[in-house]
Amino acid sequence: MTTNQTSSEKSTKEQKAWYYYDWANSAYVTTTTAVLFSPYLTSVAEKAACGFATDDNVTCRTDLQILGIGIAPGSLVFYLVPLITLLSAIILPIVGAIADRSANKPLFMARFAWTGSIAAASMVFVGGTNWQLGALLLLIANISLGSSLVVYDAILVDIAGPDDRDRVSSRGWAFGYLGGGLLLTTNFLLLTFNDSLGISTSTAVRICLLVAGIWWGAFTFIPLRGLKAHPPRDVVASSGDTLLRRSFGQLWATLKDLRNFPQTLIFLLAYLFYNDGIQTVIYAASIYGEKELKFEKSTVLLAFLTVQFVGIVGALVFGRIAMRIGTRKTIMMTLYIWGVVVIGGFFLPEKEFLPFLILAVGIGLVLGGSQALSRSFYSHLIPRGREAEYFSLYQACERGTSWFGMVVFGVVHQMSGSYRPAIVALIVFFALGLALLSRLDVRRGIEEAGNPLPVMI
């Protein structure tokens, strides 16, 4: 009895420490990738191409020249993220394969986190026309983030049982929204009163980028100290003398054996599509608000603050709904709402904050639920001993690695000159995700992976 209680207490302590990495990296995800850096880098690119950053009345029609190819400055971010995707598709599975053999996953995760946080904090030096530095730092930070999350997600299996993962994953997301929201509140105040402080908007943005990077790196120390170094379990044997060669061997074995887990493959394909839509909305929202709807940065920040704090409620509420009707059905419910969100975005009028705020509430409700439940649901479909490597495939569809949606968004914008048709085009990704999820046999998938069935599936 005492031993069980002690074991339970240790597990709870580890779960609380695990939550703090959501708290740590959400500062970068929210402040930098979702709100500030995309429009800021776009403005820097516009200045490099045209000699000025666009305002409400002037549109830059000069392209950036990259390897002899003309790219509209407004589409730069939407072409840069697919490049990060391709590199992630190569790098993250290797990270996962090594992590499955690591005797200290928390330290492995922290090293990637600190690399990313240094790149994120260095964005303070991006200014003038040096968009190339901004592009490089975004690439390093996002790949480091993806690598750290491969390990972080795999640790979920070590610290939570099958019936507890929806709750733990949802609380982690909620905790992340709280941390990201608190920092975003500070940034909102700085960007609202920067003139009174004698600071230009550009300088205020760069200060926010610096603080987000420092926040990410500093709070990573909490999970590093609070999580145990769980030894590898049931790792697939492979030939090779070195850790790297053995890791490549496991990666090859997993890719070959993936055909033996058809339900896992169906979910990965579904997640690839619907998360593509989600990530594109996240990346595009700040640019859409500033460039298409003509809002000031502080107004867009206020909408994102709404998303953050409503997201806490959404993650917890949809976690409870999943306990009643099952995780797959709950995820499908959120995707229907995502479809309504992108259609609503198309009809938003310029400079009218209330409709924009209502849409932000809708995004906040479904954002945390869809992402938190996808993570915990996928953990049931992974064969033991390959958690990190399989989560590397998952992360290839996760933050900063959605590619087709970003390309579609960028191409539609470049062809039409407007972000409105680009945003509504994303509905196809949610429709494809729903179609694939409707074919998924959850019980069969969990049994194929050799995992115990949770009470509610």
Protein backbone atom coordinates (compact mmCIF):
# COMPACT_ATOMS: atom_id res chain seq x y z
CA MET A 1 0.00 0.00 0.00
CA THR A 2 2.73 2.41 1.02
CA THR A 3 4.85 1.41 -1.97
CA ASN A 4 1.95 2.02 -4.35
CA GLN A 5 1.26 5.40 -2.80
CA THR A 6 4.91 6.34 -3.07
CA SER A 7 4.98 5.25 -6.71
CA SER A 8 1.82 7.25 -7.41
CA GLU A 9 3.26 10.33 -5.71
CA LYS A 10 6.44 10.07 -7.79
CA SER A 11 4.38 9.74 -10.95
CA THR A 12 2.34 12.82 -10.05
CA LYS A 13 5.49 14.82 -9.33
CA GLU A 14 6.91 13.81 -12.70
CA GLN A 15 3.68 14.78 -14.45
CA LYS A 16 3.78 18.23 -12.85
CA ALA A 17 7.41 18.66 -13.91
CA TRP A 18 6.48 17.46 -17.42
CA TYR A 19 3.80 20.15 -17.71
CA TYR A 20 6.47 22.81 -17.36
CA TYR A 21 7.96 22.08 -20.75
CA ASP A 22 4.61 22.98 -22.31
CA TRP A 23 4.82 26.15 -20.19
CA ALA A 24 8.40 26.79 -21.40
CA ASN A 25 8.09 26.26 -25.16
CA SER A 26 4.62 27.82 -25.45
CA ALA A 27 6.22 31.24 -24.93
CA TYR A 28 8.14 30.79 -28.18
CA VAL A 29 5.27 29.12 -30.03
CA THR A 30 2.77 31.82 -29.04
CA THR A 31 4.81 35.02 -29.00
CA THR A 32 7.24 34.26 -31.80
CA THR A 33 5.82 31.81 -34.33
CA ALA A 34 2.10 32.48 -33.91
CA VAL A 35 1.98 36.25 -33.38
CA LEU A 36 5.03 38.40 -33.91
CA PHE A 37 7.72 36.89 -36.08
CA SER A 38 5.80 36.05 -39.26
CA PRO A 39 4.48 39.60 -39.85
CA TYR A 40 7.78 41.08 -38.61
CA LEU A 41 9.84 38.94 -41.00
CA THR A 42 7.38 39.81 -43.77
CA SER A 43 7.94 43.52 -43.10
CA VAL A 44 11.72 43.03 -43.16
CA ALA A 45 11.41 41.12 -46.46
CA GLU A 46 9.20 43.86 -47.92
CA LYS A 47 11.77 46.48 -46.97
CA ALA A 48 14.50 44.39 -48.60
CA ALA A 49 12.49 43.98 -51.81
CA CYS A 50 10.80 47.38 -52.08
CA GLY A 51 12.66 49.71 -49.80
CA PHE A 52 9.68 50.04 -47.44
CA ALA A 53 7.30 47.94 -45.35
CA THR A 54 3.69 48.01 -46.50
CA ASP A 55 0.94 49.91 -44.73
CA ASP A 56 -2.81 50.13 -45.23
CA ASN A 57 -2.60 52.04 -48.51
CA VAL A 58 0.54 50.77 -50.25
CA THR A 59 1.22 47.27 -51.55
CA CYS A 60 4.70 46.02 -52.39
CA ARG A 61 4.72 44.52 -55.90
CA THR A 62 8.46 43.79 -56.08
CA ASP A 63 9.55 40.19 -55.55
CA LEU A 64 12.48 38.91 -53.55
CA GLN A 65 14.99 37.18 -55.78
CA ILE A 66 16.09 33.84 -54.32
CA LEU A 67 18.27 31.69 -56.58
CA GLY A 68 16.81 33.54 -59.55
CA ILE A 69 13.21 32.83 -58.48
CA GLY A 70 10.86 35.70 -57.69
CA ILE A 71 8.98 35.29 -54.40
CA ALA A 72 6.44 37.80 -53.10
CA PRO A 73 7.61 39.11 -49.70
CA GLY A 74 4.15 38.38 -48.29
CA SER A 75 4.54 34.70 -49.24
CA LEU A 76 8.09 34.24 -47.89
CA VAL A 77 7.04 32.69 -44.57
CA PHE A 78 4.64 30.32 -46.34
CA TYR A 79 7.48 28.98 -48.48
CA LEU A 80 10.04 28.96 -45.64
CA VAL A 81 8.00 26.67 -43.40
CA PRO A 82 7.79 23.92 -46.08
CA LEU A 83 11.60 23.99 -46.28
CA ILE A 84 11.70 23.45 -42.52
CA THR A 85 9.26 20.58 -43.06
CA LEU A 86 11.52 18.78 -45.50
CA LEU A 87 14.53 19.12 -43.20
CA SER A 88 12.43 17.96 -40.24
CA ALA A 89 11.30 14.89 -42.17
CA ILE A 90 14.97 13.90 -42.41
CA ILE A 91 16.15 14.98 -38.96
CA LEU A 92 13.32 14.18 -36.54
CA PRO A 93 13.10 10.41 -37.16
CA ILE A 94 16.83 10.17 -36.44
CA VAL A 95 16.33 12.16 -33.24
CA GLY A 96 13.52 9.82 -32.26
CA ALA A 97 15.55 6.70 -32.95
CA ILE A 98 18.41 7.97 -30.80
CA ALA A 99 16.01 9.10 -28.05
CA ASP A 100 14.49 5.61 -27.77
CA ARG A 101 17.96 4.35 -26.83
CA SER A 102 18.83 7.29 -24.60
CA ALA A 103 19.26 6.57 -20.91
CA ASN A 104 18.41 10.21 -20.08
CA LYS A 105 15.56 11.55 -22.20
CA PRO A 106 15.03 14.72 -20.09
CA LEU A 107 18.63 15.86 -20.71
CA PHE A 108 18.36 14.95 -24.40
CA MET A 109 15.19 17.07 -24.63
CA ALA A 110 16.77 19.99 -22.75
CA ARG A 111 19.75 20.22 -25.09
CA PHE A 112 17.47 20.69 -28.08
CA ALA A 113 15.39 23.18 -26.09
CA TRP A 114 18.41 25.30 -25.24
CA THR A 115 19.63 25.27 -28.84
CA GLY A 116 16.22 26.49 -29.97
CA SER A 117 15.96 29.10 -27.23
CA ILE A 118 19.33 30.60 -28.19
CA ALA A 119 18.18 30.87 -31.82
CA ALA A 120 14.86 32.35 -30.68
CA ALA A 121 16.52 34.95 -28.45
CA SER A 122 18.93 35.84 -31.28
CA MET A 123 15.97 37.03 -33.36
CA VAL A 124 16.46 40.30 -31.51
CA PHE A 125 19.22 40.99 -34.05
CA VAL A 126 16.89 40.69 -37.07
CA GLY A 127 16.18 44.15 -38.46
CA GLY A 128 16.62 46.44 -41.43
CA THR A 129 16.68 44.24 -44.53
CA ASN A 130 18.44 41.13 -43.15
CA TRP A 131 15.53 38.75 -43.67
CA GLN A 132 18.08 35.99 -44.38
CA LEU A 133 19.19 35.99 -40.71
CA GLY A 134 15.56 35.81 -39.63
CA ALA A 135 14.90 32.88 -41.95
CA LEU A 136 17.97 31.00 -40.66
CA LEU A 137 17.10 31.55 -37.01
CA LEU A 138 13.49 30.46 -37.58
CA LEU A 139 14.77 27.27 -39.23
CA ILE A 140 17.13 26.46 -36.33
CA ALA A 141 14.56 27.29 -33.64
CA ASN A 142 11.72 25.30 -35.23
CA ILE A 143 13.80 22.20 -35.92
CA SER A 144 15.14 22.36 -32.35
CA LEU A 145 11.59 22.74 -31.05
CA GLY A 146 10.39 19.76 -33.09
CA SER A 147 13.33 17.65 -31.88
CA SER A 148 12.69 18.52 -28.23
CA LEU A 149 8.99 17.73 -28.61
CA VAL A 150 9.73 14.30 -30.09
CA VAL A 151 11.43 13.42 -26.79
CA TYR A 152 8.89 15.29 -24.65
CA ASP A 153 5.91 13.50 -26.19
CA ALA A 154 7.64 10.12 -25.78
CA ILE A 155 8.13 10.82 -22.06
CA LEU A 156 4.31 10.91 -21.71
CA VAL A 157 4.26 7.12 -22.09
CA ASP A 158 6.77 6.79 -19.22
CA ILE A 159 4.84 8.94 -16.75
CA ALA A 160 1.15 8.19 -17.48
CA GLY A 161 -0.84 4.97 -17.90
CA PRO A 162 -3.32 4.33 -20.75
CA ASP A 163 -6.36 5.65 -18.85
CA ASP A 164 -4.52 8.74 -17.63
CA ARG A 165 -2.96 10.11 -20.83
CA ASP A 166 -5.87 12.21 -22.07
CA ARG A 167 -5.97 13.97 -18.70
CA VAL A 168 -2.20 14.48 -18.46
CA SER A 169 -1.84 15.59 -22.07
CA SER A 170 -4.78 18.02 -21.77
CA ARG A 171 -3.39 19.51 -18.56
CA GLY A 172 -0.02 19.93 -20.21
CA TRP A 173 -1.59 21.88 -23.07
CA ALA A 174 -3.66 23.96 -20.62
CA PHE A 175 -0.54 24.73 -18.60
CA GLY A 176 1.23 25.73 -21.79
CA TYR A 177 -1.60 28.07 -22.77
CA LEU A 178 -1.38 29.69 -19.34
CA GLY A 179 2.37 30.26 -19.58
CA GLY A 180 2.20 31.48 -23.16
CA GLY A 181 -0.75 33.69 -22.28
CA LEU A 182 1.01 35.35 -19.35
CA LEU A 183 4.03 36.26 -21.47
CA LEU A 184 1.79 37.37 -24.31
CA THR A 185 -0.03 39.68 -21.87
CA THR A 186 3.28 41.34 -21.03
CA ASN A 187 4.08 41.68 -24.73
CA PHE A 188 0.64 43.14 -25.37
CA LEU A 189 1.24 45.83 -22.75
CA LEU A 190 4.67 46.64 -24.18
CA LEU A 191 3.36 46.95 -27.74
CA THR A 192 0.37 49.00 -26.58
CA PHE A 193 2.39 51.53 -24.58
CA ASN A 194 5.71 51.41 -26.45
CA ASP A 195 5.33 55.03 -27.63
CA SER A 196 4.86 56.21 -24.05
CA LEU A 197 8.05 54.37 -23.14
CA GLY A 198 9.93 55.99 -26.00
CA ILE A 199 10.38 52.66 -27.82
CA SER A 200 9.60 52.11 -31.49
CA THR A 201 7.24 49.30 -32.51
CA SER A 202 10.11 47.48 -34.22
CA THR A 203 12.26 47.64 -31.09
CA ALA A 204 9.35 46.50 -28.92
CA VAL A 205 8.81 43.48 -31.17
CA ARG A 206 12.50 42.57 -30.96
CA ILE A 207 12.44 42.82 -27.15
CA CYS A 208 9.44 40.47 -27.09
CA LEU A 209 11.31 37.97 -29.29
CA LEU A 210 14.32 38.11 -26.97
CA VAL A 211 12.26 37.52 -23.83
CA ALA A 212 10.38 34.60 -25.43
CA GLY A 213 13.68 32.86 -26.18
CA ILE A 214 14.98 33.43 -22.64
CA TRP A 215 11.67 32.20 -21.14
CA TRP A 216 11.88 28.98 -23.19
CA GLY A 217 15.43 28.22 -22.10
CA ALA A 218 15.03 29.18 -18.43
CA PHE A 219 11.87 27.19 -17.67
CA THR A 220 13.32 24.09 -19.35
CA PHE A 221 15.38 23.61 -16.18
CA ILE A 222 12.21 22.61 -14.25
CA PRO A 223 11.36 19.46 -16.28
CA LEU A 224 15.06 18.64 -16.52
CA ARG A 225 15.29 18.52 -12.72
CA GLY A 226 11.87 16.98 -12.06
CA LEU A 227 11.75 14.15 -14.62
CA LYS A 228 13.51 10.84 -13.99
CA ALA A 229 15.84 9.26 -16.51
CA HIS A 230 13.72 6.21 -17.38
CA PRO A 231 15.79 3.45 -19.02
CA PRO A 232 14.95 2.34 -22.59
CA ARG A 233 12.26 -0.36 -22.82
CA ASP A 234 11.77 -3.11 -25.39
CA VAL A 235 14.02 -1.39 -27.93
CA VAL A 236 14.14 -3.22 -31.26
CA ALA A 237 17.51 -4.83 -31.85
CA SER A 238 19.45 -3.66 -34.90
CA SER A 239 22.89 -4.14 -36.35
CA GLY A 240 25.65 -1.54 -36.21
CA ASP A 241 28.49 -0.62 -33.90
CA THR A 242 27.61 2.97 -33.11
CA LEU A 243 24.56 4.59 -31.54
CA LEU A 244 23.85 6.50 -34.75
CA ARG A 245 24.07 3.37 -36.94
CA ARG A 246 21.87 1.42 -34.52
CA SER A 247 19.38 4.30 -34.57
CA PHE A 248 19.25 4.27 -38.37
CA GLY A 249 18.65 0.52 -38.11
CA GLN A 250 15.66 1.03 -35.82
CA LEU A 251 14.30 3.77 -38.10
CA TRP A 252 14.48 1.48 -41.12
CA ALA A 253 12.84 -1.36 -39.16
CA THR A 254 10.02 0.95 -38.04
CA LEU A 255 9.34 2.24 -41.53
CA LYS A 256 9.21 -1.33 -42.86
CA ASP A 257 6.99 -2.51 -40.02
CA LEU A 258 4.60 0.44 -40.30
CA ARG A 259 2.60 -1.58 -42.83
CA ASN A 260 1.86 -4.00 -39.98
CA PHE A 261 0.08 -1.18 -38.13
CA PRO A 262 -2.45 0.04 -40.72
CA GLN A 263 -4.62 1.86 -38.17
CA THR A 264 -1.59 3.78 -36.91
CA LEU A 265 -0.83 4.73 -40.50
CA ILE A 266 -4.42 5.89 -41.07
CA PHE A 267 -4.22 8.14 -38.02
CA LEU A 268 -0.86 9.57 -39.10
CA LEU A 269 -2.31 10.42 -42.52
CA ALA A 270 -5.40 11.97 -40.93
CA TYR A 271 -3.23 13.98 -38.55
CA LEU A 272 -0.99 15.05 -41.43
CA PHE A 273 -3.98 16.65 -43.14
CA TYR A 274 -5.97 18.20 -40.31
CA ASN A 275 -2.91 19.39 -38.40
CA ASP A 276 -1.68 20.88 -41.67
CA GLY A 277 -4.79 23.03 -41.60
CA ILE A 278 -4.40 23.88 -37.91
CA GLN A 279 -0.74 24.86 -38.19
CA THR A 280 -1.39 26.98 -41.28
CA VAL A 281 -4.17 28.84 -39.45
CA ILE A 282 -1.79 29.46 -36.53
CA TYR A 283 0.98 30.78 -38.79
CA ALA A 284 -1.39 32.79 -40.98
CA ALA A 285 -3.60 34.34 -38.29
CA SER A 286 -1.30 37.23 -37.35
CA ILE A 287 -0.51 38.09 -40.97
CA TYR A 288 -4.20 37.79 -41.84
CA GLY A 289 -5.16 40.11 -39.01
CA GLU A 290 -2.56 42.75 -39.83
CA LYS A 291 -2.38 42.62 -43.63
CA GLU A 292 -5.93 41.63 -44.63
CA LEU A 293 -8.08 42.97 -41.79
CA LYS A 294 -5.87 46.05 -41.18
CA PHE A 295 -5.55 45.68 -37.41
CA GLU A 296 -2.66 47.06 -35.38
CA LYS A 297 -0.18 44.63 -33.81
CA SER A 298 -1.60 45.32 -30.36
CA THR A 299 -5.12 44.41 -31.56
CA VAL A 300 -3.92 41.14 -33.05
CA LEU A 301 -2.08 40.43 -29.80
CA LEU A 302 -5.29 40.97 -27.84
CA ALA A 303 -7.08 38.43 -30.04
CA PHE A 304 -4.28 35.93 -29.48
CA LEU A 305 -4.49 36.53 -25.74
CA THR A 306 -8.12 35.53 -26.01
CA VAL A 307 -7.09 32.36 -27.85
CA GLN A 308 -4.55 31.54 -25.14
CA PHE A 309 -6.85 31.86 -22.14
CA VAL A 310 -9.90 30.35 -23.84
CA GLY A 311 -7.55 27.54 -24.93
CA ILE A 312 -7.03 26.57 -21.28
CA VAL A 313 -10.75 26.00 -20.92
CA GLY A 314 -10.98 24.28 -24.31
CA ALA A 315 -8.20 21.79 -23.54
CA LEU A 316 -9.75 20.81 -20.20
CA VAL A 317 -13.34 20.71 -21.47
CA PHE A 318 -12.59 18.57 -24.51
CA GLY A 319 -10.48 16.32 -22.28
CA ARG A 320 -13.59 15.68 -20.18
CA ILE A 321 -15.73 15.17 -23.27
CA ALA A 322 -13.26 12.53 -24.48
CA MET A 323 -13.74 10.64 -21.20
CA ARG A 324 -17.46 10.40 -21.98
CA ILE A 325 -17.68 9.78 -25.74
CA GLY A 326 -14.16 8.64 -26.67
CA THR A 327 -11.12 10.47 -27.98
CA ARG A 328 -11.62 9.83 -31.70
CA LYS A 329 -15.17 11.19 -31.70
CA THR A 330 -14.06 14.23 -29.71
CA ILE A 331 -11.24 15.00 -32.16
CA MET A 332 -13.72 14.73 -35.04
CA MET A 333 -16.02 17.16 -33.22
CA THR A 334 -13.21 19.73 -33.05
CA LEU A 335 -12.51 19.35 -36.78
CA TYR A 336 -16.10 20.26 -37.67
CA ILE A 337 -15.64 23.43 -35.61
CA TRP A 338 -12.33 24.16 -37.38
CA GLY A 339 -14.21 24.06 -40.69
CA VAL A 340 -16.63 26.68 -39.37
CA VAL A 341 -13.66 28.80 -38.22
CA VAL A 342 -11.96 29.04 -41.63
CA ILE A 343 -15.25 29.77 -43.41
CA GLY A 344 -15.97 32.47 -40.83
CA GLY A 345 -12.50 33.92 -41.36
CA PHE A 346 -13.24 34.47 -45.04
CA PHE A 347 -16.21 36.74 -44.22
CA LEU A 348 -14.59 38.83 -41.48
CA PRO A 349 -14.93 42.57 -42.22
CA GLU A 350 -11.93 44.90 -42.07
CA LYS A 351 -11.18 46.79 -38.86
CA GLU A 352 -14.18 45.38 -36.95
CA PHE A 353 -12.80 43.87 -33.77
CA LEU A 354 -15.87 42.11 -32.33
CA PRO A 355 -16.24 39.53 -35.17
CA PHE A 356 -12.47 38.96 -35.03
CA LEU A 357 -12.69 38.42 -31.26
CA ILE A 358 -15.59 35.95 -31.63
CA LEU A 359 -13.54 33.96 -34.14
CA ALA A 360 -10.60 34.00 -31.70
CA VAL A 361 -12.85 32.46 -29.02
CA GLY A 362 -13.82 29.69 -31.46
CA ILE A 363 -10.17 28.99 -32.27
CA GLY A 364 -9.23 28.91 -28.59
CA LEU A 365 -11.94 26.39 -27.74
CA VAL A 366 -10.86 23.84 -30.34
CA LEU A 367 -7.12 24.47 -30.57
CA GLY A 368 -6.12 22.95 -27.24
CA GLY A 369 -8.63 20.11 -27.45
CA SER A 370 -7.66 18.96 -30.92
CA GLN A 371 -3.92 19.05 -30.24
CA ALA A 372 -3.87 17.65 -26.70
CA LEU A 373 -6.17 14.75 -27.55
CA SER A 374 -4.31 13.95 -30.77
CA ARG A 375 -1.11 13.52 -28.76
CA SER A 376 -2.63 11.22 -26.15
CA PHE A 377 -4.67 9.28 -28.73
CA TYR A 378 -1.60 8.59 -30.87
CA SER A 379 0.33 7.29 -27.84
CA HIS A 380 -2.03 4.28 -27.73
CA LEU A 381 -1.20 3.35 -31.33
CA ILE A 382 2.59 3.19 -30.85
CA PRO A 383 4.37 -0.16 -30.30
CA ARG A 384 6.41 -0.26 -27.10
CA GLY A 385 10.08 0.63 -27.36
CA ARG A 386 9.53 2.90 -30.37
CA GLU A 387 7.74 5.78 -28.67
CA ALA A 388 10.22 8.54 -29.53
CA GLU A 389 10.76 7.35 -33.07
CA TYR A 390 7.03 7.12 -33.76
CA PHE A 391 6.52 10.52 -32.15
CA SER A 392 9.16 11.84 -34.56
CA LEU A 393 6.78 10.92 -37.39
CA TYR A 394 4.03 12.64 -35.44
CA GLN A 395 6.14 15.76 -34.98
CA ALA A 396 6.86 15.80 -38.71
CA CYS A 397 3.19 16.80 -38.99
CA GLU A 398 3.30 19.07 -35.94
CA ARG A 399 4.59 22.52 -35.07
CA GLY A 400 6.31 24.28 -37.94
CA THR A 401 6.33 21.20 -40.16
CA SER A 402 3.06 21.41 -42.04
CA TRP A 403 4.06 22.00 -45.63
CA PHE A 404 1.24 21.47 -48.08
CA GLY A 405 -1.15 23.83 -46.30
CA MET A 406 1.49 26.55 -46.16
CA VAL A 407 2.29 26.11 -49.86
CA VAL A 408 -1.40 26.21 -50.77
CA PHE A 409 -1.89 29.32 -48.66
CA GLY A 410 1.16 31.02 -50.18
CA VAL A 411 0.30 30.11 -53.76
CA VAL A 412 -3.36 31.15 -53.45
CA HIS A 413 -2.26 34.46 -51.93
CA GLN A 414 0.32 35.05 -54.66
CA MET A 415 -2.20 34.26 -57.41
CA SER A 416 -5.11 36.22 -55.95
CA GLY A 417 -3.31 39.03 -54.13
CA SER A 418 -5.60 38.39 -51.14
CA TYR A 419 -5.43 36.27 -48.01
CA ARG A 420 -9.22 35.64 -47.97
CA PRO A 421 -9.38 32.87 -50.59
CA ALA A 422 -6.19 31.46 -49.09
CA ILE A 423 -7.75 31.05 -45.63
CA VAL A 424 -10.96 29.41 -46.88
CA ALA A 425 -8.96 26.96 -49.04
CA LEU A 426 -7.76 25.32 -45.81
CA ILE A 427 -11.14 23.67 -45.24
CA VAL A 428 -10.09 20.84 -47.54
CA PHE A 429 -7.47 19.74 -44.98
CA PHE A 430 -10.04 19.39 -42.20
CA ALA A 431 -12.39 17.51 -44.55
CA LEU A 432 -9.65 15.02 -45.49
CA GLY A 433 -8.75 14.51 -41.83
CA LEU A 434 -12.37 13.80 -40.96
CA ALA A 435 -12.73 11.33 -43.83
CA LEU A 436 -9.69 9.34 -42.68
CA LEU A 437 -10.64 9.40 -38.99
CA SER A 438 -14.07 8.01 -39.88
CA ARG A 439 -12.31 4.90 -41.27
CA LEU A 440 -10.12 4.36 -38.20
CA ASP A 441 -10.78 1.22 -36.11
CA VAL A 442 -9.47 2.35 -32.71
CA ARG A 443 -9.73 -0.97 -30.87
CA ARG A 444 -7.95 -2.81 -33.68
CA GLY A 445 -5.19 -0.19 -33.81
CA ILE A 446 -4.44 -0.41 -30.08
CA GLU A 447 -4.45 -4.22 -30.18
CA GLU A 448 -2.15 -4.27 -33.24
CA ALA A 449 0.32 -2.06 -31.36
CA GLY A 450 0.24 -4.51 -28.42
CA ASN A 451 -0.97 -1.90 -25.91
CA PRO A 452 -3.63 -2.31 -23.19
CA LEU A 453 -7.06 -0.95 -24.04
CA PRO A 454 -8.16 2.10 -22.02
CA VAL A 455 -11.62 2.04 -20.44
CA MET A 456 -12.99 4.60 -22.95
CA ILE A 457 -11.74 4.49 -26.52
